[in-house]
Amino acid sequence: MTSKYLQRCLKEEPRSYNSQQLAEKLEKERELKVSTNTIKRLLKKGGDMETSQN
């Protein structure tokens, strides 16, 4: 779900984001703290947070 939310933000919002800005957005809007590396990995793999962390 998290990666779908990020992809939707990137696709539907009229601005672009870097990984730091997406991490801040997730923390503010979803109360979910993730690293910029996790953001990059999620977007690259297109996977969900629950399945991409081991």
PDB file of N, CA and C in Angstrom:
ATOM      1  N   MET A   1       0.817  -1.201   0.000  1.00  0.00           N
ATOM      2  CA  MET A   1       0.000   0.000   0.000  1.00  0.00           C
ATOM      3  C   MET A   1       0.856   1.259   0.000  1.00  0.00           C
ATOM      4  N   THR A   2       1.953   1.211   0.715  1.00  0.00           N
ATOM      5  CA  THR A   2       2.798   2.391   0.789  1.00  0.00           C
ATOM      6  C   THR A   2       3.369   2.761  -0.571  1.00  0.00           C
ATOM      7  N   SER A   3       3.840   1.774  -1.312  1.00  0.00           N
ATOM      8  CA  SER A   3       4.412   2.097  -2.624  1.00  0.00           C
ATOM      9  C   SER A   3       3.338   2.608  -3.577  1.00  0.00           C
ATOM     10  N   LYS A   4       2.127   2.089  -3.466  1.00  0.00           N
ATOM     11  CA  LYS A   4       1.030   2.583  -4.309  1.00  0.00           C
ATOM     12  C   LYS A   4       0.707   4.033  -3.961  1.00  0.00           C
ATOM     13  N   TYR A   5       0.739   4.359  -2.687  1.00  0.00           N
ATOM     14  CA  TYR A   5       0.507   5.738  -2.250  1.00  0.00           C
ATOM     15  C   TYR A   5       1.588   6.651  -2.826  1.00  0.00           C
ATOM     16  N   LEU A   6       2.841   6.229  -2.744  1.00  0.00           N
ATOM     17  CA  LEU A   6       3.939   7.032  -3.278  1.00  0.00           C
ATOM     18  C   LEU A   6       3.816   7.206  -4.782  1.00  0.00           C
ATOM     19  N   GLN A   7       3.517   6.128  -5.470  1.00  0.00           N
ATOM     20  CA  GLN A   7       3.358   6.208  -6.923  1.00  0.00           C
ATOM     21  C   GLN A   7       2.205   7.125  -7.300  1.00  0.00           C
ATOM     22  N   ARG A   8       1.117   7.085  -6.533  1.00  0.00           N
ATOM     23  CA  ARG A   8      -0.023   7.956  -6.809  1.00  0.00           C
ATOM     24  C   ARG A   8       0.365   9.419  -6.594  1.00  0.00           C
ATOM     25  N   CYS A   9       1.119   9.689  -5.528  1.00  0.00           N
ATOM     26  CA  CYS A   9       1.583  11.064  -5.281  1.00  0.00           C
ATOM     27  C   CYS A   9       2.420  11.567  -6.447  1.00  0.00           C
ATOM     28  N   LEU A  10       3.310  10.724  -6.925  1.00  0.00           N
ATOM     29  CA  LEU A  10       4.191  11.128  -8.024  1.00  0.00           C
ATOM     30  C   LEU A  10       3.431  11.316  -9.329  1.00  0.00           C
ATOM     31  N   LYS A  11       2.403  10.514  -9.533  1.00  0.00           N
ATOM     32  CA  LYS A  11       1.661  10.563 -10.791  1.00  0.00           C
ATOM     33  C   LYS A  11       0.603  11.661 -10.803  1.00  0.00           C
ATOM     34  N   GLU A  12      -0.136  11.797  -9.710  1.00  0.00           N
ATOM     35  CA  GLU A  12      -1.310  12.663  -9.709  1.00  0.00           C
ATOM     36  C   GLU A  12      -1.053  14.092  -9.250  1.00  0.00           C
ATOM     37  N   GLU A  13      -0.043  14.298  -8.434  1.00  0.00           N
ATOM     38  CA  GLU A  13       0.196  15.649  -7.934  1.00  0.00           C
ATOM     39  C   GLU A  13       0.994  16.454  -8.954  1.00  0.00           C
ATOM     40  N   PRO A  14       0.721  17.746  -9.046  1.00  0.00           N
ATOM     41  CA  PRO A  14       1.328  18.575 -10.093  1.00  0.00           C
ATOM     42  C   PRO A  14       2.785  18.953  -9.839  1.00  0.00           C
ATOM     43  N   ARG A  15       3.410  18.374  -8.862  1.00  0.00           N
ATOM     44  CA  ARG A  15       4.806  18.687  -8.564  1.00  0.00           C
ATOM     45  C   ARG A  15       5.620  17.406  -8.514  1.00  0.00           C
ATOM     46  N   SER A  16       6.921  17.554  -8.462  1.00  0.00           N
ATOM     47  CA  SER A  16       7.793  16.388  -8.330  1.00  0.00           C
ATOM     48  C   SER A  16       8.359  16.356  -6.909  1.00  0.00           C
ATOM     49  N   TYR A  17       8.780  15.179  -6.493  1.00  0.00           N
ATOM     50  CA  TYR A  17       9.322  14.975  -5.150  1.00  0.00           C
ATOM     51  C   TYR A  17      10.650  14.246  -5.239  1.00  0.00           C
ATOM     52  N   ASN A  18      11.535  14.544  -4.296  1.00  0.00           N
ATOM     53  CA  ASN A  18      12.717  13.706  -4.133  1.00  0.00           C
ATOM     54  C   ASN A  18      12.439  12.758  -2.958  1.00  0.00           C
ATOM     55  N   SER A  19      13.337  11.833  -2.704  1.00  0.00           N
ATOM     56  CA  SER A  19      13.078  10.816  -1.680  1.00  0.00           C
ATOM     57  C   SER A  19      12.935  11.433  -0.285  1.00  0.00           C
ATOM     58  N   GLN A  20      13.678  12.484   0.000  1.00  0.00           N
ATOM     59  CA  GLN A  20      13.562  13.156   1.302  1.00  0.00           C
ATOM     60  C   GLN A  20      12.174  13.770   1.468  1.00  0.00           C
ATOM     61  N   GLN A  21      11.698  14.428   0.430  1.00  0.00           N
ATOM     62  CA  GLN A  21      10.377  15.044   0.487  1.00  0.00           C
ATOM     63  C   GLN A  21       9.277  13.998   0.621  1.00  0.00           C
ATOM     64  N   LEU A  22       9.431  12.859  -0.051  1.00  0.00           N
ATOM     65  CA  LEU A  22       8.439  11.787   0.075  1.00  0.00           C
ATOM     66  C   LEU A  22       8.454  11.194   1.481  1.00  0.00           C
ATOM     67  N   ALA A  23       9.636  11.038   2.067  1.00  0.00           N
ATOM     68  CA  ALA A  23       9.736  10.534   3.436  1.00  0.00           C
ATOM     69  C   ALA A  23       9.036  11.490   4.407  1.00  0.00           C
ATOM     70  N   GLU A  24       9.232  12.783   4.220  1.00  0.00           N
ATOM     71  CA  GLU A  24       8.578  13.778   5.067  1.00  0.00           C
ATOM     72  C   GLU A  24       7.064  13.759   4.860  1.00  0.00           C
ATOM     73  N   LYS A  25       6.632  13.585   3.633  1.00  0.00           N
ATOM     74  CA  LYS A  25       5.200  13.521   3.315  1.00  0.00           C
ATOM     75  C   LYS A  25       4.554  12.304   3.990  1.00  0.00           C
ATOM     76  N   LEU A  26       5.215  11.162   3.917  1.00  0.00           N
ATOM     77  CA  LEU A  26       4.695   9.956   4.574  1.00  0.00           C
ATOM     78  C   LEU A  26       4.588  10.144   6.081  1.00  0.00           C
ATOM     79  N   GLU A  27       5.615  10.765   6.656  1.00  0.00           N
ATOM     80  CA  GLU A  27       5.597  10.971   8.105  1.00  0.00           C
ATOM     81  C   GLU A  27       4.470  11.928   8.503  1.00  0.00           C
ATOM     82  N   LYS A  28       4.282  12.978   7.738  1.00  0.00           N
ATOM     83  CA  LYS A  28       3.264  13.974   8.052  1.00  0.00           C
ATOM     84  C   LYS A  28       1.852  13.462   7.799  1.00  0.00           C
ATOM     85  N   GLU A  29       1.638  12.846   6.640  1.00  0.00           N
ATOM     86  CA  GLU A  29       0.284  12.459   6.240  1.00  0.00           C
ATOM     87  C   GLU A  29      -0.138  11.070   6.705  1.00  0.00           C
ATOM     88  N   ARG A  30       0.825  10.178   6.885  1.00  0.00           N
ATOM     89  CA  ARG A  30       0.496   8.794   7.232  1.00  0.00           C
ATOM     90  C   ARG A  30       1.064   8.363   8.580  1.00  0.00           C
ATOM     91  N   GLU A  31       1.797   9.281   9.262  1.00  0.00           N
ATOM     92  CA  GLU A  31       2.462   8.978  10.523  1.00  0.00           C
ATOM     93  C   GLU A  31       3.337   7.734  10.401  1.00  0.00           C
ATOM     94  N   LEU A  32       4.065   7.665   9.285  1.00  0.00           N
ATOM     95  CA  LEU A  32       4.920   6.530   8.980  1.00  0.00           C
ATOM     96  C   LEU A  32       6.311   7.054   8.686  1.00  0.00           C
ATOM     97  N   LYS A  33       7.274   6.678   9.530  1.00  0.00           N
ATOM     98  CA  LYS A  33       8.630   7.166   9.354  1.00  0.00           C
ATOM     99  C   LYS A  33       9.459   6.107   8.620  1.00  0.00           C
ATOM    100  N   VAL A  34       9.969   6.484   7.453  1.00  0.00           N
ATOM    101  CA  VAL A  34      10.810   5.602   6.651  1.00  0.00           C
ATOM    102  C   VAL A  34      12.028   6.375   6.168  1.00  0.00           C
ATOM    103  N   SER A  35      13.089   5.650   5.898  1.00  0.00           N
ATOM    104  CA  SER A  35      14.315   6.293   5.421  1.00  0.00           C
ATOM    105  C   SER A  35      14.211   6.607   3.934  1.00  0.00           C
ATOM    106  N   THR A  36      15.064   7.492   3.498  1.00  0.00           N
ATOM    107  CA  THR A  36      15.095   7.827   2.075  1.00  0.00           C
ATOM    108  C   THR A  36      15.513   6.612   1.250  1.00  0.00           C
ATOM    109  N   ASN A  37      16.392   5.781   1.807  1.00  0.00           N
ATOM    110  CA  ASN A  37      16.796   4.565   1.090  1.00  0.00           C
ATOM    111  C   ASN A  37      15.619   3.615   0.908  1.00  0.00           C
ATOM    112  N   THR A  38      14.753   3.531   1.902  1.00  0.00           N
ATOM    113  CA  THR A  38      13.567   2.682   1.794  1.00  0.00           C
ATOM    114  C   THR A  38      12.633   3.226   0.717  1.00  0.00           C
ATOM    115  N   ILE A  39      12.478   4.535   0.671  1.00  0.00           N
ATOM    116  CA  ILE A  39      11.651   5.169  -0.366  1.00  0.00           C
ATOM    117  C   ILE A  39      12.184   4.793  -1.744  1.00  0.00           C
ATOM    118  N   LYS A  40      13.480   4.943  -1.924  1.00  0.00           N
ATOM    119  CA  LYS A  40      14.098   4.627  -3.214  1.00  0.00           C
ATOM    120  C   LYS A  40      13.891   3.158  -3.576  1.00  0.00           C
ATOM    121  N   ARG A  41      14.074   2.281  -2.594  1.00  0.00           N
ATOM    122  CA  ARG A  41      13.922   0.849  -2.845  1.00  0.00           C
ATOM    123  C   ARG A  41      12.484   0.502  -3.204  1.00  0.00           C
ATOM    124  N   LEU A  42      11.532   1.094  -2.488  1.00  0.00           N
ATOM    125  CA  LEU A  42      10.121   0.847  -2.779  1.00  0.00           C
ATOM    126  C   LEU A  42       9.748   1.269  -4.186  1.00  0.00           C
ATOM    127  N   LEU A  43      10.193   2.438  -4.588  1.00  0.00           N
ATOM    128  CA  LEU A  43       9.852   2.939  -5.914  1.00  0.00           C
ATOM    129  C   LEU A  43      10.560   2.148  -7.015  1.00  0.00           C
ATOM    130  N   LYS A  44      11.792   1.747  -6.751  1.00  0.00           N
ATOM    131  CA  LYS A  44      12.535   0.984  -7.750  1.00  0.00           C
ATOM    132  C   LYS A  44      11.916  -0.400  -7.954  1.00  0.00           C
ATOM    133  N   LYS A  45      11.596  -1.073  -6.860  1.00  0.00           N
ATOM    134  CA  LYS A  45      11.029  -2.414  -6.942  1.00  0.00           C
ATOM    135  C   LYS A  45       9.532  -2.394  -7.214  1.00  0.00           C
ATOM    136  N   GLY A  46       8.870  -1.306  -6.825  1.00  0.00           N
ATOM    137  CA  GLY A  46       7.427  -1.238  -6.995  1.00  0.00           C
ATOM    138  C   GLY A  46       6.698  -2.139  -6.020  1.00  0.00           C
ATOM    139  N   GLY A  47       7.409  -2.599  -5.005  1.00  0.00           N
ATOM    140  CA  GLY A  47       6.819  -3.513  -4.033  1.00  0.00           C
ATOM    141  C   GLY A  47       6.218  -2.796  -2.857  1.00  0.00           C
ATOM    142  N   ASP A  48       5.456  -3.524  -2.069  1.00  0.00           N
ATOM    143  CA  ASP A  48       4.851  -2.977  -0.875  1.00  0.00           C
ATOM    144  C   ASP A  48       5.847  -3.032   0.269  1.00  0.00           C
ATOM    145  N   MET A  49       5.709  -2.152   1.205  1.00  0.00           N
ATOM    146  CA  MET A  49       6.636  -2.065   2.315  1.00  0.00           C
ATOM    147  C   MET A  49       6.710  -3.385   3.094  1.00  0.00           C
ATOM    148  N   GLU A  50       5.592  -4.039   3.297  1.00  0.00           N
ATOM    149  CA  GLU A  50       5.571  -5.275   4.062  1.00  0.00           C
ATOM    150  C   GLU A  50       6.328  -6.402   3.350  1.00  0.00           C
ATOM    151  N   THR A  51       6.340  -6.402   2.042  1.00  0.00           N
ATOM    152  CA  THR A  51       6.985  -7.490   1.313  1.00  0.00           C
ATOM    153  C   THR A  51       8.431  -7.185   0.953  1.00  0.00           C
ATOM    154  N   SER A  52       8.833  -5.915   0.988  1.00  0.00           N
ATOM    155  CA  SER A  52      10.184  -5.599   0.568  1.00  0.00           C
ATOM    156  C   SER A  52      11.156  -5.522   1.734  1.00  0.00           C
ATOM    157  N   GLN A  53      10.693  -5.529   2.961  1.00  0.00           N
ATOM    158  CA  GLN A  53      11.585  -5.530   4.111  1.00  0.00           C
ATOM    159  C   GLN A  53      11.726  -6.941   4.637  1.00  0.00           C
ATOM    160  N   ASN A  54      12.962  -7.366   4.899  1.00  0.00           N
ATOM    161  CA  ASN A  54      13.209  -8.705   5.455  1.00  0.00           C
ATOM    162  C   ASN A  54      13.836  -8.606   6.812  1.00  0.00           C
TER     163      ASN A  54
END
